[in-house]
Every structure is written in structure tokens, then in C-alpha cells.
Amino acid sequence: MAGKKAIFESAISRVVLPISPIFFPSLSFALLAKLKLAPKGPMSTKLMELVLCVAALTFSLPASVALFKQQAVLLPEEMEEQFRALKDSSGQLVKEFYFNKGL
């Protein structure tokens, strides 16, 4: 179950990751054009597009990675049957399982 949860959360964050770099530059440039603030020349237009793409990547990558915590907690009821009755070194039933999903 921990593996399934980690894979699901990683997949969701990987789906969210490209949304901002795909849409932010084009929507921002369209807004600038509508406000008549878009650069006119081809070189300045490409430079503006580059700046918008870099800004989108700069802010969207950390946001997509931060969607879910790096360390997750599962209750015994959410685990496979063989892990539900595990006991710690003092003989108490384990109440929470922690796992690190990495990056």
C-alpha cells in the first residue's frame, strides 16, 4: 500500500508539473498583447517568451514537487495484512508506518 500511495502521489505531481510551463507563457504573452505591452520586434519577442518560460519553470517545479509531503504516514488498516499486527521493540502494536517517497 505504501508503494501504491507513493506512486500515485508521484504520478499526480508529474501530471501537474508541465501544466504551468505549457500554459503560463502563452497566456501571459496573450495578456501582454491584449494590454498592448508585448514587444514588437522578433528578437525582443523571443526574449520575452524565454523569460516567461524560465519564470514558469522556476515556480512550477518546486510547487509540483511540494504538492505532497516527502514523508508519508499510513495506518495499519491501510497496509497489507502481514503488516497489520507488527509490534515494536517494546511489544506494542505499531500504530503508524512512515515511509520516505524521495524526490
N, C-alpha and C. Protein backbone atom coordinates (compact mmCIF):
# COMPACT_ATOMS: atom_id res chain seq x y z
N MET A 1 0.81 -1.18 0.00
CA MET A 1 0.00 0.00 0.00
C MET A 1 0.86 1.26 0.00
N ALA A 2 1.95 1.23 0.73
CA ALA A 2 2.82 2.40 0.77
C ALA A 2 3.37 2.68 -0.62
N GLY A 3 3.74 1.62 -1.31
CA GLY A 3 4.26 1.79 -2.67
C GLY A 3 3.22 2.35 -3.61
N LYS A 4 1.98 1.86 -3.52
CA LYS A 4 0.91 2.36 -4.37
C LYS A 4 0.63 3.83 -4.09
N LYS A 5 0.62 4.19 -2.81
CA LYS A 5 0.36 5.58 -2.43
C LYS A 5 1.47 6.49 -2.95
N ALA A 6 2.71 6.05 -2.80
CA ALA A 6 3.84 6.86 -3.26
C ALA A 6 3.82 7.02 -4.78
N ILE A 7 3.53 5.95 -5.48
CA ILE A 7 3.47 6.02 -6.95
C ILE A 7 2.32 6.91 -7.40
N PHE A 8 1.17 6.81 -6.76
CA PHE A 8 0.03 7.64 -7.12
C PHE A 8 0.35 9.12 -6.92
N GLU A 9 0.91 9.46 -5.76
CA GLU A 9 1.22 10.86 -5.48
C GLU A 9 2.31 11.38 -6.41
N SER A 10 3.29 10.56 -6.73
CA SER A 10 4.32 10.97 -7.68
C SER A 10 3.74 11.18 -9.07
N ALA A 11 2.83 10.30 -9.47
CA ALA A 11 2.20 10.44 -10.79
C ALA A 11 1.38 11.72 -10.87
N ILE A 12 0.64 12.02 -9.84
CA ILE A 12 -0.15 13.26 -9.83
C ILE A 12 0.76 14.48 -9.92
N SER A 13 1.85 14.48 -9.17
CA SER A 13 2.75 15.64 -9.22
C SER A 13 3.42 15.75 -10.60
N ARG A 14 3.65 14.62 -11.26
CA ARG A 14 4.25 14.66 -12.61
C ARG A 14 3.25 15.15 -13.66
N VAL A 15 1.96 14.94 -13.40
CA VAL A 15 0.93 15.46 -14.30
C VAL A 15 0.80 16.97 -14.12
N VAL A 16 0.89 17.44 -12.89
CA VAL A 16 0.75 18.86 -12.60
C VAL A 16 1.98 19.64 -13.07
N LEU A 17 3.14 19.02 -13.04
CA LEU A 17 4.39 19.71 -13.38
C LEU A 17 4.36 20.42 -14.73
N PRO A 18 3.95 19.80 -15.83
CA PRO A 18 4.03 20.51 -17.11
C PRO A 18 2.90 21.51 -17.37
N ILE A 19 1.88 21.55 -16.52
CA ILE A 19 0.75 22.44 -16.78
C ILE A 19 1.19 23.90 -16.81
N SER A 20 1.91 24.33 -15.81
CA SER A 20 2.32 25.73 -15.76
C SER A 20 3.27 26.11 -16.89
N PRO A 21 4.33 25.35 -17.18
CA PRO A 21 5.22 25.75 -18.29
C PRO A 21 4.53 25.72 -19.65
N ILE A 22 3.47 24.94 -19.79
CA ILE A 22 2.77 24.89 -21.07
C ILE A 22 1.85 26.09 -21.23
N PHE A 23 1.09 26.40 -20.20
CA PHE A 23 0.06 27.43 -20.33
C PHE A 23 0.49 28.83 -19.90
N PHE A 24 1.33 28.93 -18.88
CA PHE A 24 1.69 30.26 -18.35
C PHE A 24 2.33 31.17 -19.40
N PRO A 25 3.34 30.73 -20.14
CA PRO A 25 3.96 31.66 -21.11
C PRO A 25 2.98 32.15 -22.18
N SER A 26 2.18 31.25 -22.74
CA SER A 26 1.27 31.66 -23.81
C SER A 26 0.15 32.56 -23.28
N LEU A 27 -0.40 32.24 -22.11
CA LEU A 27 -1.44 33.08 -21.54
C LEU A 27 -0.89 34.45 -21.14
N SER A 28 0.31 34.47 -20.58
CA SER A 28 0.93 35.74 -20.18
C SER A 28 1.22 36.60 -21.40
N PHE A 29 1.72 35.97 -22.46
CA PHE A 29 2.04 36.73 -23.66
C PHE A 29 0.75 37.25 -24.32
N ALA A 30 -0.31 36.46 -24.30
CA ALA A 30 -1.59 36.92 -24.85
C ALA A 30 -2.13 38.10 -24.05
N LEU A 31 -1.97 38.05 -22.73
CA LEU A 31 -2.40 39.16 -21.88
C LEU A 31 -1.58 40.41 -22.19
N LEU A 32 -0.27 40.25 -22.33
CA LEU A 32 0.59 41.39 -22.67
C LEU A 32 0.20 41.99 -24.02
N ALA A 33 -0.12 41.14 -24.97
CA ALA A 33 -0.53 41.62 -26.29
C ALA A 33 -1.86 42.37 -26.21
N LYS A 34 -2.78 41.85 -25.42
CA LYS A 34 -4.09 42.49 -25.26
C LYS A 34 -3.94 43.87 -24.61
N LEU A 35 -3.00 43.97 -23.67
CA LEU A 35 -2.75 45.25 -23.00
C LEU A 35 -1.81 46.15 -23.79
N LYS A 36 -1.43 45.68 -24.97
CA LYS A 36 -0.51 46.39 -25.86
C LYS A 36 0.85 46.65 -25.19
N LEU A 37 1.29 45.69 -24.39
CA LEU A 37 2.59 45.76 -23.73
C LEU A 37 3.58 44.75 -24.29
N ALA A 38 3.14 43.97 -25.27
CA ALA A 38 4.02 42.94 -25.85
C ALA A 38 5.08 43.61 -26.72
N PRO A 39 6.30 43.08 -26.70
CA PRO A 39 7.36 43.64 -27.55
C PRO A 39 7.01 43.47 -29.03
N LYS A 40 7.50 44.39 -29.86
CA LYS A 40 7.15 44.39 -31.28
C LYS A 40 8.16 43.60 -32.14
N GLY A 41 9.43 43.71 -31.85
CA GLY A 41 10.46 43.09 -32.69
C GLY A 41 10.57 41.60 -32.45
N PRO A 42 11.11 40.86 -33.43
CA PRO A 42 11.23 39.40 -33.27
C PRO A 42 12.22 39.00 -32.17
N MET A 43 13.30 39.74 -32.04
CA MET A 43 14.29 39.39 -31.02
C MET A 43 13.75 39.67 -29.61
N SER A 44 13.10 40.80 -29.44
CA SER A 44 12.55 41.11 -28.12
C SER A 44 11.36 40.19 -27.79
N THR A 45 10.62 39.77 -28.80
CA THR A 45 9.53 38.82 -28.58
C THR A 45 10.07 37.49 -28.08
N LYS A 46 11.13 36.99 -28.72
CA LYS A 46 11.73 35.71 -28.29
C LYS A 46 12.32 35.83 -26.89
N LEU A 47 12.92 36.98 -26.59
CA LEU A 47 13.48 37.19 -25.26
C LEU A 47 12.37 37.18 -24.21
N MET A 48 11.25 37.82 -24.51
CA MET A 48 10.12 37.84 -23.58
C MET A 48 9.56 36.42 -23.39
N GLU A 49 9.46 35.65 -24.47
CA GLU A 49 8.99 34.27 -24.36
C GLU A 49 9.94 33.45 -23.50
N LEU A 50 11.24 33.65 -23.67
CA LEU A 50 12.23 32.94 -22.86
C LEU A 50 12.09 33.28 -21.38
N VAL A 51 11.93 34.56 -21.09
CA VAL A 51 11.77 35.00 -19.70
C VAL A 51 10.51 34.38 -19.09
N LEU A 52 9.42 34.36 -19.84
CA LEU A 52 8.18 33.78 -19.33
C LEU A 52 8.31 32.28 -19.10
N CYS A 53 9.01 31.57 -20.00
CA CYS A 53 9.23 30.13 -19.83
C CYS A 53 10.10 29.83 -18.61
N VAL A 54 11.16 30.61 -18.44
CA VAL A 54 12.04 30.41 -17.28
C VAL A 54 11.29 30.70 -15.99
N ALA A 55 10.47 31.75 -15.98
CA ALA A 55 9.68 32.06 -14.78
C ALA A 55 8.71 30.93 -14.46
N ALA A 56 8.07 30.39 -15.48
CA ALA A 56 7.13 29.29 -15.26
C ALA A 56 7.84 28.08 -14.67
N LEU A 57 9.00 27.72 -15.21
CA LEU A 57 9.74 26.57 -14.68
C LEU A 57 10.28 26.84 -13.28
N THR A 58 10.70 28.06 -13.03
CA THR A 58 11.27 28.42 -11.73
C THR A 58 10.24 28.22 -10.62
N PHE A 59 9.00 28.57 -10.90
CA PHE A 59 7.98 28.50 -9.85
C PHE A 59 7.16 27.22 -9.89
N SER A 60 7.00 26.60 -11.04
CA SER A 60 6.14 25.42 -11.12
C SER A 60 6.84 24.15 -10.65
N LEU A 61 8.12 24.02 -10.88
CA LEU A 61 8.82 22.81 -10.45
C LEU A 61 8.77 22.63 -8.93
N PRO A 62 9.16 23.63 -8.14
CA PRO A 62 9.04 23.44 -6.69
C PRO A 62 7.60 23.24 -6.23
N ALA A 63 6.66 23.92 -6.87
CA ALA A 63 5.26 23.78 -6.47
C ALA A 63 4.75 22.37 -6.75
N SER A 64 5.14 21.80 -7.88
CA SER A 64 4.66 20.45 -8.20
C SER A 64 5.30 19.39 -7.30
N VAL A 65 6.55 19.59 -6.95
CA VAL A 65 7.22 18.64 -6.05
C VAL A 65 6.64 18.78 -4.64
N ALA A 66 6.20 19.98 -4.27
CA ALA A 66 5.70 20.22 -2.92
C ALA A 66 4.22 19.89 -2.75
N LEU A 67 3.58 19.37 -3.79
CA LEU A 67 2.15 19.02 -3.66
C LEU A 67 1.91 18.03 -2.53
N PHE A 68 2.81 17.09 -2.38
CA PHE A 68 2.67 16.07 -1.35
C PHE A 68 3.93 16.06 -0.49
N LYS A 69 3.75 15.74 0.78
CA LYS A 69 4.90 15.68 1.69
C LYS A 69 5.86 14.58 1.27
N GLN A 70 7.14 14.79 1.56
CA GLN A 70 8.14 13.79 1.20
C GLN A 70 8.01 12.55 2.08
N GLN A 71 7.66 12.74 3.33
CA GLN A 71 7.47 11.61 4.23
C GLN A 71 5.98 11.42 4.47
N ALA A 72 5.48 10.23 4.24
CA ALA A 72 4.06 9.96 4.38
C ALA A 72 3.82 8.98 5.53
N VAL A 73 2.58 8.99 6.02
CA VAL A 73 2.19 8.14 7.14
C VAL A 73 1.01 7.27 6.70
N LEU A 74 1.09 6.00 7.04
CA LEU A 74 -0.02 5.08 6.80
C LEU A 74 -0.42 4.42 8.11
N LEU A 75 -1.70 4.22 8.29
CA LEU A 75 -2.19 3.48 9.45
C LEU A 75 -2.13 1.99 9.15
N PRO A 76 -2.07 1.15 10.18
CA PRO A 76 -2.02 -0.30 9.94
C PRO A 76 -3.19 -0.81 9.10
N GLU A 77 -4.37 -0.18 9.23
CA GLU A 77 -5.54 -0.62 8.45
C GLU A 77 -5.34 -0.40 6.95
N GLU A 78 -4.44 0.52 6.59
CA GLU A 78 -4.18 0.82 5.19
C GLU A 78 -3.08 -0.06 4.59
N MET A 79 -2.46 -0.86 5.43
CA MET A 79 -1.34 -1.70 4.98
C MET A 79 -1.82 -3.09 4.61
N GLU A 80 -0.91 -3.86 3.99
CA GLU A 80 -1.21 -5.25 3.67
C GLU A 80 -1.41 -6.04 4.96
N GLU A 81 -2.08 -7.15 4.84
CA GLU A 81 -2.45 -7.97 6.01
C GLU A 81 -1.24 -8.35 6.87
N GLN A 82 -0.12 -8.68 6.26
CA GLN A 82 1.04 -9.15 7.04
C GLN A 82 1.68 -8.06 7.89
N PHE A 83 1.36 -6.79 7.63
CA PHE A 83 1.96 -5.69 8.41
C PHE A 83 1.02 -5.16 9.49
N ARG A 84 -0.19 -5.58 9.51
CA ARG A 84 -1.17 -5.01 10.43
C ARG A 84 -0.94 -5.39 11.89
N ALA A 85 -0.33 -6.53 12.15
CA ALA A 85 -0.11 -6.98 13.52
C ALA A 85 1.35 -6.85 13.96
N LEU A 86 2.12 -6.01 13.28
CA LEU A 86 3.53 -5.85 13.67
C LEU A 86 3.63 -5.16 15.02
N LYS A 87 4.65 -5.57 15.78
CA LYS A 87 4.89 -4.97 17.09
C LYS A 87 6.26 -4.31 17.10
N ASP A 88 6.39 -3.27 17.91
CA ASP A 88 7.69 -2.61 18.02
C ASP A 88 8.57 -3.34 19.03
N SER A 89 9.73 -2.79 19.33
CA SER A 89 10.69 -3.47 20.21
C SER A 89 10.18 -3.62 21.64
N SER A 90 9.20 -2.80 22.05
CA SER A 90 8.65 -2.93 23.41
C SER A 90 7.41 -3.82 23.44
N GLY A 91 7.04 -4.41 22.31
CA GLY A 91 5.91 -5.33 22.27
C GLY A 91 4.57 -4.67 21.97
N GLN A 92 4.56 -3.38 21.75
CA GLN A 92 3.32 -2.65 21.44
C GLN A 92 3.02 -2.76 19.93
N LEU A 93 1.75 -2.78 19.59
CA LEU A 93 1.37 -2.76 18.18
C LEU A 93 1.81 -1.44 17.54
N VAL A 94 2.31 -1.54 16.35
CA VAL A 94 2.71 -0.33 15.62
C VAL A 94 1.45 0.40 15.19
N LYS A 95 1.38 1.71 15.52
CA LYS A 95 0.18 2.49 15.23
C LYS A 95 0.28 3.28 13.94
N GLU A 96 1.50 3.56 13.52
CA GLU A 96 1.71 4.33 12.28
C GLU A 96 2.95 3.81 11.56
N PHE A 97 2.88 3.79 10.25
CA PHE A 97 4.03 3.43 9.42
C PHE A 97 4.45 4.67 8.64
N TYR A 98 5.73 4.96 8.67
CA TYR A 98 6.26 6.10 7.94
C TYR A 98 7.08 5.59 6.76
N PHE A 99 7.00 6.29 5.65
CA PHE A 99 7.87 5.96 4.54
C PHE A 99 8.28 7.25 3.82
N ASN A 100 9.47 7.23 3.29
CA ASN A 100 10.03 8.37 2.57
C ASN A 100 9.89 8.11 1.09
N LYS A 101 9.25 9.04 0.39
CA LYS A 101 8.99 8.85 -1.04
C LYS A 101 10.15 9.30 -1.91
N GLY A 102 11.09 10.02 -1.33
CA GLY A 102 12.19 10.54 -2.15
C GLY A 102 11.69 11.63 -3.07
N LEU A 103 12.51 11.99 -4.05
CA LEU A 103 12.09 13.05 -4.98
C LEU A 103 11.63 12.46 -6.23
